[in-house]
Amino acid sequence: MRNELEQLTRGRRLSERVVALLGPMLSGGREPDLEGLAAQLKMPSWTLRRKLAEEGVGFRELLNDTRRDLALAYIRDTELSFGEIAYLLGFTSAEAFTRAFKRWSDVTPGAYRRTLAD
């Protein structure tokens, strides 16, 4: 499994490698941190931060973008409750997830799911 992940991430921009790692890290129901991600990439956290900055992105931005993309997919493709989605994305509560989703899309998760059903 580890070798497969290394093969998939070799030769890509660091930001793409980070996004590829963030999805599985989120599925544990906790928020990934820069230090844990840097350890998986076998580099110091300050190096990871600097290299991402060289690509014009930050860790927090990539984390939020990954959460947003996964949230849209979970709402579109599953019948999971918003509490379950919040847990899967590492939010502390469904309310925190709802606030973030509204910030990303200008609508609540429920309103978004209803527009998909129409």
PDB file of N, CA and C in Angstrom:
ATOM      1  N   MET A   1       0.834  -1.191   0.000  1.00  0.00           N
ATOM      2  CA  MET A   1       0.000   0.000   0.000  1.00  0.00           C
ATOM      3  C   MET A   1       0.876   1.251   0.000  1.00  0.00           C
ATOM      4  N   ARG A   2       1.906   1.248   0.832  1.00  0.00           N
ATOM      5  CA  ARG A   2       2.788   2.413   0.923  1.00  0.00           C
ATOM      6  C   ARG A   2       3.513   2.632  -0.398  1.00  0.00           C
ATOM      7  N   ASN A   3       3.990   1.540  -1.031  1.00  0.00           N
ATOM      8  CA  ASN A   3       4.681   1.666  -2.311  1.00  0.00           C
ATOM      9  C   ASN A   3       3.753   2.185  -3.398  1.00  0.00           C
ATOM     10  N   GLU A   4       2.499   1.735  -3.380  1.00  0.00           N
ATOM     11  CA  GLU A   4       1.528   2.222  -4.362  1.00  0.00           C
ATOM     12  C   GLU A   4       1.316   3.717  -4.212  1.00  0.00           C
ATOM     13  N   LEU A   5       1.209   4.192  -2.974  1.00  0.00           N
ATOM     14  CA  LEU A   5       1.039   5.611  -2.723  1.00  0.00           C
ATOM     15  C   LEU A   5       2.253   6.395  -3.203  1.00  0.00           C
ATOM     16  N   GLU A   6       3.434   5.875  -2.944  1.00  0.00           N
ATOM     17  CA  GLU A   6       4.650   6.556  -3.401  1.00  0.00           C
ATOM     18  C   GLU A   6       4.704   6.606  -4.921  1.00  0.00           C
ATOM     19  N   GLN A   7       4.292   5.540  -5.592  1.00  0.00           N
ATOM     20  CA  GLN A   7       4.270   5.537  -7.055  1.00  0.00           C
ATOM     21  C   GLN A   7       3.288   6.570  -7.593  1.00  0.00           C
ATOM     22  N   LEU A   8       2.128   6.667  -6.948  1.00  0.00           N
ATOM     23  CA  LEU A   8       1.124   7.629  -7.389  1.00  0.00           C
ATOM     24  C   LEU A   8       1.571   9.072  -7.203  1.00  0.00           C
ATOM     25  N   THR A   9       2.335   9.320  -6.154  1.00  0.00           N
ATOM     26  CA  THR A   9       2.689  10.698  -5.837  1.00  0.00           C
ATOM     27  C   THR A   9       4.023  11.136  -6.430  1.00  0.00           C
ATOM     28  N   ARG A  10       4.816  10.218  -6.918  1.00  0.00           N
ATOM     29  CA  ARG A  10       6.116  10.577  -7.484  1.00  0.00           C
ATOM     30  C   ARG A  10       5.929  11.373  -8.774  1.00  0.00           C
ATOM     31  N   GLY A  11       6.700  12.436  -8.923  1.00  0.00           N
ATOM     32  CA  GLY A  11       6.680  13.211 -10.166  1.00  0.00           C
ATOM     33  C   GLY A  11       5.602  14.277 -10.228  1.00  0.00           C
ATOM     34  N   ARG A  12       4.782  14.387  -9.222  1.00  0.00           N
ATOM     35  CA  ARG A  12       3.746  15.412  -9.212  1.00  0.00           C
ATOM     36  C   ARG A  12       4.208  16.590  -8.379  1.00  0.00           C
ATOM     37  N   ARG A  13       3.523  17.698  -8.581  1.00  0.00           N
ATOM     38  CA  ARG A  13       3.800  18.860  -7.743  1.00  0.00           C
ATOM     39  C   ARG A  13       3.513  18.491  -6.296  1.00  0.00           C
ATOM     40  N   LEU A  14       4.214  19.143  -5.405  1.00  0.00           N
ATOM     41  CA  LEU A  14       4.034  18.854  -3.984  1.00  0.00           C
ATOM     42  C   LEU A  14       2.594  19.103  -3.554  1.00  0.00           C
ATOM     43  N   SER A  15       1.980  20.163  -4.031  1.00  0.00           N
ATOM     44  CA  SER A  15       0.594  20.444  -3.642  1.00  0.00           C
ATOM     45  C   SER A  15      -0.341  19.321  -4.066  1.00  0.00           C
ATOM     46  N   GLU A  16      -0.101  18.713  -5.220  1.00  0.00           N
ATOM     47  CA  GLU A  16      -0.929  17.581  -5.665  1.00  0.00           C
ATOM     48  C   GLU A  16      -0.699  16.361  -4.770  1.00  0.00           C
ATOM     49  N   ARG A  17       0.542  16.166  -4.364  1.00  0.00           N
ATOM     50  CA  ARG A  17       0.845  15.059  -3.458  1.00  0.00           C
ATOM     51  C   ARG A  17       0.169  15.274  -2.110  1.00  0.00           C
ATOM     52  N   VAL A  18       0.167  16.525  -1.630  1.00  0.00           N
ATOM     53  CA  VAL A  18      -0.475  16.848  -0.354  1.00  0.00           C
ATOM     54  C   VAL A  18      -1.968  16.547  -0.430  1.00  0.00           C
ATOM     55  N   VAL A  19      -2.621  16.980  -1.500  1.00  0.00           N
ATOM     56  CA  VAL A  19      -4.064  16.733  -1.655  1.00  0.00           C
ATOM     57  C   VAL A  19      -4.339  15.234  -1.693  1.00  0.00           C
ATOM     58  N   ALA A  20      -3.488  14.468  -2.372  1.00  0.00           N
ATOM     59  CA  ALA A  20      -3.677  13.015  -2.442  1.00  0.00           C
ATOM     60  C   ALA A  20      -3.583  12.367  -1.063  1.00  0.00           C
ATOM     61  N   LEU A  21      -2.788  12.945  -0.175  1.00  0.00           N
ATOM     62  CA  LEU A  21      -2.656  12.403   1.178  1.00  0.00           C
ATOM     63  C   LEU A  21      -3.741  12.906   2.118  1.00  0.00           C
ATOM     64  N   LEU A  22      -4.237  14.114   1.885  1.00  0.00           N
ATOM     65  CA  LEU A  22      -5.214  14.699   2.808  1.00  0.00           C
ATOM     66  C   LEU A  22      -6.530  13.932   2.840  1.00  0.00           C
ATOM     67  N   GLY A  23      -7.010  13.488   1.693  1.00  0.00           N
ATOM     68  CA  GLY A  23      -8.284  12.770   1.657  1.00  0.00           C
ATOM     69  C   GLY A  23      -8.323  11.591   2.607  1.00  0.00           C
ATOM     70  N   PRO A  24      -7.370  10.657   2.481  1.00  0.00           N
ATOM     71  CA  PRO A  24      -7.354   9.524   3.415  1.00  0.00           C
ATOM     72  C   PRO A  24      -7.120   9.943   4.865  1.00  0.00           C
ATOM     73  N   MET A  25      -6.351  11.003   5.089  1.00  0.00           N
ATOM     74  CA  MET A  25      -6.113  11.465   6.459  1.00  0.00           C
ATOM     75  C   MET A  25      -7.393  12.009   7.082  1.00  0.00           C
ATOM     76  N   LEU A  26      -8.253  12.608   6.276  1.00  0.00           N
ATOM     77  CA  LEU A  26      -9.512  13.148   6.785  1.00  0.00           C
ATOM     78  C   LEU A  26     -10.491  12.049   7.158  1.00  0.00           C
ATOM     79  N   SER A  27     -10.420  10.929   6.478  1.00  0.00           N
ATOM     80  CA  SER A  27     -11.417   9.883   6.690  1.00  0.00           C
ATOM     81  C   SER A  27     -11.387   9.305   8.098  1.00  0.00           C
ATOM     82  N   GLY A  28     -10.364   9.606   8.866  1.00  0.00           N
ATOM     83  CA  GLY A  28     -10.298   9.114  10.235  1.00  0.00           C
ATOM     84  C   GLY A  28     -11.112   9.925  11.214  1.00  0.00           C
ATOM     85  N   GLY A  29     -11.787  10.982  10.736  1.00  0.00           N
ATOM     86  CA  GLY A  29     -12.612  11.780  11.610  1.00  0.00           C
ATOM     87  C   GLY A  29     -11.840  12.789  12.432  1.00  0.00           C
ATOM     88  N   ARG A  30     -10.610  13.066  12.057  1.00  0.00           N
ATOM     89  CA  ARG A  30      -9.842  14.088  12.754  1.00  0.00           C
ATOM     90  C   ARG A  30      -9.189  14.996  11.723  1.00  0.00           C
ATOM     91  N   GLU A  31      -8.851  16.189  12.167  1.00  0.00           N
ATOM     92  CA  GLU A  31      -8.255  17.150  11.250  1.00  0.00           C
ATOM     93  C   GLU A  31      -6.763  16.882  11.113  1.00  0.00           C
ATOM     94  N   PRO A  32      -6.290  16.694   9.890  1.00  0.00           N
ATOM     95  CA  PRO A  32      -4.848  16.511   9.692  1.00  0.00           C
ATOM     96  C   PRO A  32      -4.096  17.785  10.067  1.00  0.00           C
ATOM     97  N   ASP A  33      -2.860  17.610  10.499  1.00  0.00           N
ATOM     98  CA  ASP A  33      -2.047  18.779  10.787  1.00  0.00           C
ATOM     99  C   ASP A  33      -0.797  18.757   9.913  1.00  0.00           C
ATOM    100  N   LEU A  34      -0.166  19.909   9.835  1.00  0.00           N
ATOM    101  CA  LEU A  34       1.006  20.076   8.979  1.00  0.00           C
ATOM    102  C   LEU A  34       2.128  19.131   9.390  1.00  0.00           C
ATOM    103  N   GLU A  35       2.315  18.952  10.678  1.00  0.00           N
ATOM    104  CA  GLU A  35       3.398  18.107  11.161  1.00  0.00           C
ATOM    105  C   GLU A  35       3.189  16.643  10.758  1.00  0.00           C
ATOM    106  N   GLY A  36       1.973  16.153  10.915  1.00  0.00           N
ATOM    107  CA  GLY A  36       1.679  14.775  10.528  1.00  0.00           C
ATOM    108  C   GLY A  36       1.835  14.554   9.037  1.00  0.00           C
ATOM    109  N   LEU A  37       1.410  15.525   8.259  1.00  0.00           N
ATOM    110  CA  LEU A  37       1.547  15.430   6.811  1.00  0.00           C
ATOM    111  C   LEU A  37       3.015  15.459   6.408  1.00  0.00           C
ATOM    112  N   ALA A  38       3.781  16.352   7.019  1.00  0.00           N
ATOM    113  CA  ALA A  38       5.214  16.441   6.726  1.00  0.00           C
ATOM    114  C   ALA A  38       5.906  15.122   7.056  1.00  0.00           C
ATOM    115  N   ALA A  39       5.515  14.496   8.158  1.00  0.00           N
ATOM    116  CA  ALA A  39       6.106  13.212   8.535  1.00  0.00           C
ATOM    117  C   ALA A  39       5.816  12.158   7.468  1.00  0.00           C
ATOM    118  N   GLN A  40       4.603  12.141   6.931  1.00  0.00           N
ATOM    119  CA  GLN A  40       4.279  11.186   5.870  1.00  0.00           C
ATOM    120  C   GLN A  40       5.104  11.439   4.617  1.00  0.00           C
ATOM    121  N   LEU A  41       5.409  12.693   4.368  1.00  0.00           N
ATOM    122  CA  LEU A  41       6.207  13.057   3.191  1.00  0.00           C
ATOM    123  C   LEU A  41       7.709  12.982   3.470  1.00  0.00           C
ATOM    124  N   LYS A  42       8.049  12.614   4.717  1.00  0.00           N
ATOM    125  CA  LYS A  42       9.446  12.472   5.131  1.00  0.00           C
ATOM    126  C   LYS A  42      10.245  13.761   4.930  1.00  0.00           C
ATOM    127  N   MET A  43       9.663  14.864   5.440  1.00  0.00           N
ATOM    128  CA  MET A  43      10.368  16.146   5.415  1.00  0.00           C
ATOM    129  C   MET A  43       9.953  16.956   6.625  1.00  0.00           C
ATOM    130  N   PRO A  44      10.799  17.890   7.045  1.00  0.00           N
ATOM    131  CA  PRO A  44      10.426  18.749   8.172  1.00  0.00           C
ATOM    132  C   PRO A  44       9.228  19.630   7.808  1.00  0.00           C
ATOM    133  N   SER A  45       8.427  19.970   8.814  1.00  0.00           N
ATOM    134  CA  SER A  45       7.226  20.772   8.548  1.00  0.00           C
ATOM    135  C   SER A  45       7.573  22.130   7.955  1.00  0.00           C
ATOM    136  N   TRP A  46       8.688  22.723   8.383  1.00  0.00           N
ATOM    137  CA  TRP A  46       9.047  24.030   7.838  1.00  0.00           C
ATOM    138  C   TRP A  46       9.412  23.930   6.359  1.00  0.00           C
ATOM    139  N   THR A  47       9.982  22.794   5.934  1.00  0.00           N
ATOM    140  CA  THR A  47      10.306  22.591   4.515  1.00  0.00           C
ATOM    141  C   THR A  47       9.014  22.435   3.715  1.00  0.00           C
ATOM    142  N   LEU A  48       8.086  21.677   4.244  1.00  0.00           N
ATOM    143  CA  LEU A  48       6.799  21.517   3.576  1.00  0.00           C
ATOM    144  C   LEU A  48       6.110  22.866   3.412  1.00  0.00           C
ATOM    145  N   ARG A  49       6.078  23.641   4.474  1.00  0.00           N
ATOM    146  CA  ARG A  49       5.455  24.963   4.421  1.00  0.00           C
ATOM    147  C   ARG A  49       6.128  25.845   3.358  1.00  0.00           C
ATOM    148  N   ARG A  50       7.456  25.842   3.323  1.00  0.00           N
ATOM    149  CA  ARG A  50       8.206  26.670   2.373  1.00  0.00           C
ATOM    150  C   ARG A  50       7.973  26.223   0.937  1.00  0.00           C
ATOM    151  N   LYS A  51       7.998  24.903   0.705  1.00  0.00           N
ATOM    152  CA  LYS A  51       7.808  24.400  -0.660  1.00  0.00           C
ATOM    153  C   LYS A  51       6.387  24.662  -1.160  1.00  0.00           C
ATOM    154  N   LEU A  52       5.403  24.545  -0.287  1.00  0.00           N
ATOM    155  CA  LEU A  52       4.034  24.888  -0.690  1.00  0.00           C
ATOM    156  C   LEU A  52       3.933  26.374  -1.022  1.00  0.00           C
ATOM    157  N   ALA A  53       4.587  27.205  -0.218  1.00  0.00           N
ATOM    158  CA  ALA A  53       4.581  28.652  -0.483  1.00  0.00           C
ATOM    159  C   ALA A  53       5.221  28.952  -1.829  1.00  0.00           C
ATOM    160  N   GLU A  54       6.251  28.218  -2.195  1.00  0.00           N
ATOM    161  CA  GLU A  54       6.882  28.395  -3.504  1.00  0.00           C
ATOM    162  C   GLU A  54       5.913  28.070  -4.639  1.00  0.00           C
ATOM    163  N   GLU A  55       4.963  27.164  -4.387  1.00  0.00           N
ATOM    164  CA  GLU A  55       3.936  26.832  -5.376  1.00  0.00           C
ATOM    165  C   GLU A  55       2.744  27.777  -5.291  1.00  0.00           C
ATOM    166  N   GLY A  56       2.779  28.698  -4.329  1.00  0.00           N
ATOM    167  CA  GLY A  56       1.712  29.688  -4.206  1.00  0.00           C
ATOM    168  C   GLY A  56       0.487  29.225  -3.447  1.00  0.00           C
ATOM    169  N   VAL A  57       0.642  28.176  -2.630  1.00  0.00           N
ATOM    170  CA  VAL A  57      -0.471  27.673  -1.824  1.00  0.00           C
ATOM    171  C   VAL A  57      -0.004  27.443  -0.398  1.00  0.00           C
ATOM    172  N   GLY A  58      -0.948  27.321   0.493  1.00  0.00           N
ATOM    173  CA  GLY A  58      -0.656  27.015   1.885  1.00  0.00           C
ATOM    174  C   GLY A  58      -1.359  25.740   2.304  1.00  0.00           C
ATOM    175  N   PHE A  59      -0.889  25.164   3.398  1.00  0.00           N
ATOM    176  CA  PHE A  59      -1.483  23.935   3.912  1.00  0.00           C
ATOM    177  C   PHE A  59      -2.966  24.115   4.214  1.00  0.00           C
ATOM    178  N   ARG A  60      -3.320  25.192   4.902  1.00  0.00           N
ATOM    179  CA  ARG A  60      -4.709  25.430   5.288  1.00  0.00           C
ATOM    180  C   ARG A  60      -5.606  25.544   4.052  1.00  0.00           C
ATOM    181  N   GLU A  61      -5.110  26.217   3.026  1.00  0.00           N
ATOM    182  CA  GLU A  61      -5.871  26.362   1.776  1.00  0.00           C
ATOM    183  C   GLU A  61      -6.118  24.999   1.127  1.00  0.00           C
ATOM    184  N   LEU A  62      -5.097  24.172   1.070  1.00  0.00           N
ATOM    185  CA  LEU A  62      -5.257  22.835   0.487  1.00  0.00           C
ATOM    186  C   LEU A  62      -6.205  21.977   1.316  1.00  0.00           C
ATOM    187  N   LEU A  63      -6.114  22.087   2.636  1.00  0.00           N
ATOM    188  CA  LEU A  63      -7.016  21.344   3.509  1.00  0.00           C
ATOM    189  C   LEU A  63      -8.457  21.769   3.279  1.00  0.00           C
ATOM    190  N   ASN A  64      -8.709  23.072   3.239  1.00  0.00           N
ATOM    191  CA  ASN A  64     -10.068  23.562   3.013  1.00  0.00           C
ATOM    192  C   ASN A  64     -10.597  23.174   1.643  1.00  0.00           C
ATOM    193  N   ASP A  65      -9.754  23.261   0.618  1.00  0.00           N
ATOM    194  CA  ASP A  65     -10.184  22.870  -0.731  1.00  0.00           C
ATOM    195  C   ASP A  65     -10.517  21.385  -0.788  1.00  0.00           C
ATOM    196  N   THR A  66      -9.716  20.566  -0.125  1.00  0.00           N
ATOM    197  CA  THR A  66      -9.967  19.122  -0.099  1.00  0.00           C
ATOM    198  C   THR A  66     -11.261  18.828   0.653  1.00  0.00           C
ATOM    199  N   ARG A  67     -11.450  19.482   1.787  1.00  0.00           N
ATOM    200  CA  ARG A  67     -12.702  19.309   2.541  1.00  0.00           C
ATOM    201  C   ARG A  67     -13.907  19.714   1.691  1.00  0.00           C
ATOM    202  N   ARG A  68     -13.804  20.851   1.019  1.00  0.00           N
ATOM    203  CA  ARG A  68     -14.914  21.322   0.188  1.00  0.00           C
ATOM    204  C   ARG A  68     -15.241  20.299  -0.905  1.00  0.00           C
ATOM    205  N   ASP A  69     -14.227  19.835  -1.610  1.00  0.00           N
ATOM    206  CA  ASP A  69     -14.455  18.877  -2.693  1.00  0.00           C
ATOM    207  C   ASP A  69     -15.065  17.581  -2.173  1.00  0.00           C
ATOM    208  N   LEU A  70     -14.570  17.096  -1.039  1.00  0.00           N
ATOM    209  CA  LEU A  70     -15.135  15.876  -0.462  1.00  0.00           C
ATOM    210  C   LEU A  70     -16.561  16.108   0.028  1.00  0.00           C
ATOM    211  N   ALA A  71     -16.820  17.273   0.624  1.00  0.00           N
ATOM    212  CA  ALA A  71     -18.174  17.583   1.099  1.00  0.00           C
ATOM    213  C   ALA A  71     -19.158  17.576  -0.058  1.00  0.00           C
ATOM    214  N   LEU A  72     -18.784  18.206  -1.149  1.00  0.00           N
ATOM    215  CA  LEU A  72     -19.672  18.227  -2.326  1.00  0.00           C
ATOM    216  C   LEU A  72     -19.942  16.813  -2.825  1.00  0.00           C
ATOM    217  N   ALA A  73     -18.908  15.983  -2.856  1.00  0.00           N
ATOM    218  CA  ALA A  73     -19.082  14.602  -3.311  1.00  0.00           C
ATOM    219  C   ALA A  73     -19.950  13.800  -2.343  1.00  0.00           C
ATOM    220  N   TYR A  74     -19.714  13.946  -1.023  1.00  0.00           N
ATOM    221  CA  TYR A  74     -20.524  13.213  -0.054  1.00  0.00           C
ATOM    222  C   TYR A  74     -21.996  13.612  -0.147  1.00  0.00           C
ATOM    223  N   ILE A  75     -22.264  14.894  -0.288  1.00  0.00           N
ATOM    224  CA  ILE A  75     -23.658  15.346  -0.359  1.00  0.00           C
ATOM    225  C   ILE A  75     -24.302  14.868  -1.659  1.00  0.00           C
ATOM    226  N   ARG A  76     -23.552  14.938  -2.745  1.00  0.00           N
ATOM    227  CA  ARG A  76     -24.073  14.565  -4.062  1.00  0.00           C
ATOM    228  C   ARG A  76     -24.244  13.053  -4.195  1.00  0.00           C
ATOM    229  N   ASP A  77     -23.285  12.279  -3.693  1.00  0.00           N
ATOM    230  CA  ASP A  77     -23.232  10.859  -4.012  1.00  0.00           C
ATOM    231  C   ASP A  77     -23.650   9.915  -2.895  1.00  0.00           C
ATOM    232  N   THR A  78     -23.969  10.451  -1.710  1.00  0.00           N
ATOM    233  CA  THR A  78     -24.348   9.574  -0.602  1.00  0.00           C
ATOM    234  C   THR A  78     -25.595  10.107   0.086  1.00  0.00           C
ATOM    235  N   GLU A  79     -26.119   9.297   0.976  1.00  0.00           N
ATOM    236  CA  GLU A  79     -27.243   9.697   1.813  1.00  0.00           C
ATOM    237  C   GLU A  79     -26.784   9.948   3.246  1.00  0.00           C
ATOM    238  N   LEU A  80     -25.492  10.168   3.426  1.00  0.00           N
ATOM    239  CA  LEU A  80     -24.963  10.403   4.771  1.00  0.00           C
ATOM    240  C   LEU A  80     -25.600  11.642   5.385  1.00  0.00           C
ATOM    241  N   SER A  81     -25.781  11.603   6.694  1.00  0.00           N
ATOM    242  CA  SER A  81     -26.274  12.789   7.390  1.00  0.00           C
ATOM    243  C   SER A  81     -25.159  13.830   7.428  1.00  0.00           C
ATOM    244  N   PHE A  82     -25.540  15.073   7.698  1.00  0.00           N
ATOM    245  CA  PHE A  82     -24.529  16.130   7.752  1.00  0.00           C
ATOM    246  C   PHE A  82     -23.604  15.945   8.948  1.00  0.00           C
ATOM    247  N   GLY A  83     -24.102  15.344  10.017  1.00  0.00           N
ATOM    248  CA  GLY A  83     -23.249  15.022  11.157  1.00  0.00           C
ATOM    249  C   GLY A  83     -22.187  13.994  10.786  1.00  0.00           C
ATOM    250  N   GLU A  84     -22.595  12.983  10.009  1.00  0.00           N
ATOM    251  CA  GLU A  84     -21.637  11.971   9.561  1.00  0.00           C
ATOM    252  C   GLU A  84     -20.599  12.579   8.626  1.00  0.00           C
ATOM    253  N   ILE A  85     -21.050  13.439   7.721  1.00  0.00           N
ATOM    254  CA  ILE A  85     -20.122  14.109   6.807  1.00  0.00           C
ATOM    255  C   ILE A  85     -19.159  14.986   7.595  1.00  0.00           C
ATOM    256  N   ALA A  86     -19.676  15.715   8.573  1.00  0.00           N
ATOM    257  CA  ALA A  86     -18.822  16.564   9.406  1.00  0.00           C
ATOM    258  C   ALA A  86     -17.738  15.725  10.069  1.00  0.00           C
ATOM    259  N   TYR A  87     -18.116  14.564  10.612  1.00  0.00           N
ATOM    260  CA  TYR A  87     -17.150  13.683  11.260  1.00  0.00           C
ATOM    261  C   TYR A  87     -16.094  13.207  10.261  1.00  0.00           C
ATOM    262  N   LEU A  88     -16.539  12.766   9.091  1.00  0.00           N
ATOM    263  CA  LEU A  88     -15.611  12.258   8.078  1.00  0.00           C
ATOM    264  C   LEU A  88     -14.622  13.319   7.611  1.00  0.00           C
ATOM    265  N   LEU A  89     -15.026  14.569   7.675  1.00  0.00           N
ATOM    266  CA  LEU A  89     -14.166  15.658   7.216  1.00  0.00           C
ATOM    267  C   LEU A  89     -13.354  16.283   8.354  1.00  0.00           C
ATOM    268  N   GLY A  90     -13.487  15.742   9.559  1.00  0.00           N
ATOM    269  CA  GLY A  90     -12.679  16.210  10.680  1.00  0.00           C
ATOM    270  C   GLY A  90     -13.203  17.451  11.374  1.00  0.00           C
ATOM    271  N   PHE A  91     -14.482  17.794  11.166  1.00  0.00           N
ATOM    272  CA  PHE A  91     -15.061  18.943  11.866  1.00  0.00           C
ATOM    273  C   PHE A  91     -15.467  18.524  13.275  1.00  0.00           C
ATOM    274  N   THR A  92     -15.481  19.483  14.182  1.00  0.00           N
ATOM    275  CA  THR A  92     -15.830  19.184  15.567  1.00  0.00           C
ATOM    276  C   THR A  92     -17.329  19.002  15.753  1.00  0.00           C
ATOM    277  N   SER A  93     -18.134  19.539  14.835  1.00  0.00           N
ATOM    278  CA  SER A  93     -19.589  19.408  14.957  1.00  0.00           C
ATOM    279  C   SER A  93     -20.237  19.617  13.591  1.00  0.00           C
ATOM    280  N   ALA A  94     -21.507  19.222  13.506  1.00  0.00           N
ATOM    281  CA  ALA A  94     -22.266  19.459  12.279  1.00  0.00           C
ATOM    282  C   ALA A  94     -22.440  20.954  12.036  1.00  0.00           C
ATOM    283  N   GLU A  95     -22.541  21.725  13.114  1.00  0.00           N
ATOM    284  CA  GLU A  95     -22.699  23.175  12.975  1.00  0.00           C
ATOM    285  C   GLU A  95     -21.445  23.797  12.364  1.00  0.00           C
ATOM    286  N   ALA A  96     -20.272  23.340  12.789  1.00  0.00           N
ATOM    287  CA  ALA A  96     -19.022  23.851  12.217  1.00  0.00           C
ATOM    288  C   ALA A  96     -18.939  23.500  10.734  1.00  0.00           C
ATOM    289  N   PHE A  97     -19.370  22.285  10.391  1.00  0.00           N
ATOM    290  CA  PHE A  97     -19.392  21.887   8.979  1.00  0.00           C
ATOM    291  C   PHE A  97     -20.357  22.763   8.182  1.00  0.00           C
ATOM    292  N   THR A  98     -21.542  23.004   8.737  1.00  0.00           N
ATOM    293  CA  THR A  98     -22.533  23.827   8.044  1.00  0.00           C
ATOM    294  C   THR A  98     -22.009  25.232   7.793  1.00  0.00           C
ATOM    295  N   ARG A  99     -21.356  25.826   8.787  1.00  0.00           N
ATOM    296  CA  ARG A  99     -20.769  27.167   8.607  1.00  0.00           C
ATOM    297  C   ARG A  99     -19.712  27.168   7.505  1.00  0.00           C
ATOM    298  N   ALA A 100     -18.845  26.157   7.522  1.00  0.00           N
ATOM    299  CA  ALA A 100     -17.798  26.081   6.494  1.00  0.00           C
ATOM    300  C   ALA A 100     -18.412  25.875   5.116  1.00  0.00           C
ATOM    301  N   PHE A 101     -19.405  24.999   5.018  1.00  0.00           N
ATOM    302  CA  PHE A 101     -20.034  24.734   3.723  1.00  0.00           C
ATOM    303  C   PHE A 101     -20.695  25.995   3.185  1.00  0.00           C
ATOM    304  N   LYS A 102     -21.350  26.734   4.062  1.00  0.00           N
ATOM    305  CA  LYS A 102     -21.993  27.979   3.633  1.00  0.00           C
ATOM    306  C   LYS A 102     -20.948  29.003   3.166  1.00  0.00           C
ATOM    307  N   ARG A 103     -19.819  29.023   3.821  1.00  0.00           N
ATOM    308  CA  ARG A 103     -18.724  29.920   3.412  1.00  0.00           C
ATOM    309  C   ARG A 103     -18.198  29.514   2.022  1.00  0.00           C
ATOM    310  N   TRP A 104     -18.134  28.208   1.753  1.00  0.00           N
ATOM    311  CA  TRP A 104     -17.624  27.725   0.477  1.00  0.00           C
ATOM    312  C   TRP A 104     -18.609  27.933  -0.668  1.00  0.00           C
ATOM    313  N   SER A 105     -19.888  27.749  -0.398  1.00  0.00           N
ATOM    314  CA  SER A 105     -20.854  27.683  -1.504  1.00  0.00           C
ATOM    315  C   SER A 105     -22.005  28.676  -1.408  1.00  0.00           C
ATOM    316  N   ASP A 106     -22.052  29.481  -0.362  1.00  0.00           N
ATOM    317  CA  ASP A 106     -23.117  30.468  -0.149  1.00  0.00           C
ATOM    318  C   ASP A 106     -24.489  29.856   0.106  1.00  0.00           C
ATOM    319  N   VAL A 107     -24.563  28.534   0.293  1.00  0.00           N
ATOM    320  CA  VAL A 107     -25.813  27.872   0.674  1.00  0.00           C
ATOM    321  C   VAL A 107     -25.503  26.848   1.751  1.00  0.00           C
ATOM    322  N   THR A 108     -26.521  26.446   2.482  1.00  0.00           N
ATOM    323  CA  THR A 108     -26.334  25.409   3.494  1.00  0.00           C
ATOM    324  C   THR A 108     -26.233  24.037   2.818  1.00  0.00           C
ATOM    325  N   PRO A 109     -25.678  23.057   3.510  1.00  0.00           N
ATOM    326  CA  PRO A 109     -25.632  21.722   2.914  1.00  0.00           C
ATOM    327  C   PRO A 109     -27.017  21.185   2.556  1.00  0.00           C
ATOM    328  N   GLY A 110     -28.004  21.473   3.410  1.00  0.00           N
ATOM    329  CA  GLY A 110     -29.373  21.005   3.114  1.00  0.00           C
ATOM    330  C   GLY A 110     -29.923  21.640   1.856  1.00  0.00           C
ATOM    331  N   ALA A 111     -29.710  22.933   1.679  1.00  0.00           N
ATOM    332  CA  ALA A 111     -30.182  23.621   0.475  1.00  0.00           C
ATOM    333  C   ALA A 111     -29.466  23.071  -0.760  1.00  0.00           C
ATOM    334  N   TYR A 112     -28.191  22.795  -0.633  1.00  0.00           N
ATOM    335  CA  TYR A 112     -27.446  22.239  -1.766  1.00  0.00           C
ATOM    336  C   TYR A 112     -27.986  20.860  -2.149  1.00  0.00           C
ATOM    337  N   ARG A 113     -28.238  20.022  -1.129  1.00  0.00           N
ATOM    338  CA  ARG A 113     -28.768  18.670  -1.414  1.00  0.00           C
ATOM    339  C   ARG A 113     -30.157  18.761  -2.060  1.00  0.00           C
ATOM    340  N   ARG A 114     -30.967  19.727  -1.602  1.00  0.00           N
ATOM    341  CA  ARG A 114     -32.298  19.884  -2.203  1.00  0.00           C
ATOM    342  C   ARG A 114     -32.213  20.313  -3.661  1.00  0.00           C
ATOM    343  N   THR A 115     -31.261  21.182  -4.000  1.00  0.00           N
ATOM    344  CA  THR A 115     -31.131  21.595  -5.414  1.00  0.00           C
ATOM    345  C   THR A 115     -30.704  20.434  -6.281  1.00  0.00           C
ATOM    346  N   LEU A 116     -29.936  19.506  -5.726  1.00  0.00           N
ATOM    347  CA  LEU A 116     -29.543  18.328  -6.484  1.00  0.00           C
ATOM    348  C   LEU A 116     -30.718  17.380  -6.731  1.00  0.00           C
ATOM    349  N   ALA A 117     -31.637  17.351  -5.774  1.00  0.00           N
ATOM    350  CA  ALA A 117     -32.796  16.469  -5.878  1.00  0.00           C
ATOM    351  C   ALA A 117     -33.823  16.985  -6.882  1.00  0.00           C
ATOM    352  N   ASP A 118     -33.834  18.283  -7.120  1.00  0.00           N
ATOM    353  CA  ASP A 118     -34.820  18.876  -8.038  1.00  0.00           C
ATOM    354  C   ASP A 118     -34.529  18.581  -9.486  1.00  0.00           C
TER     355      ASP A 118
END
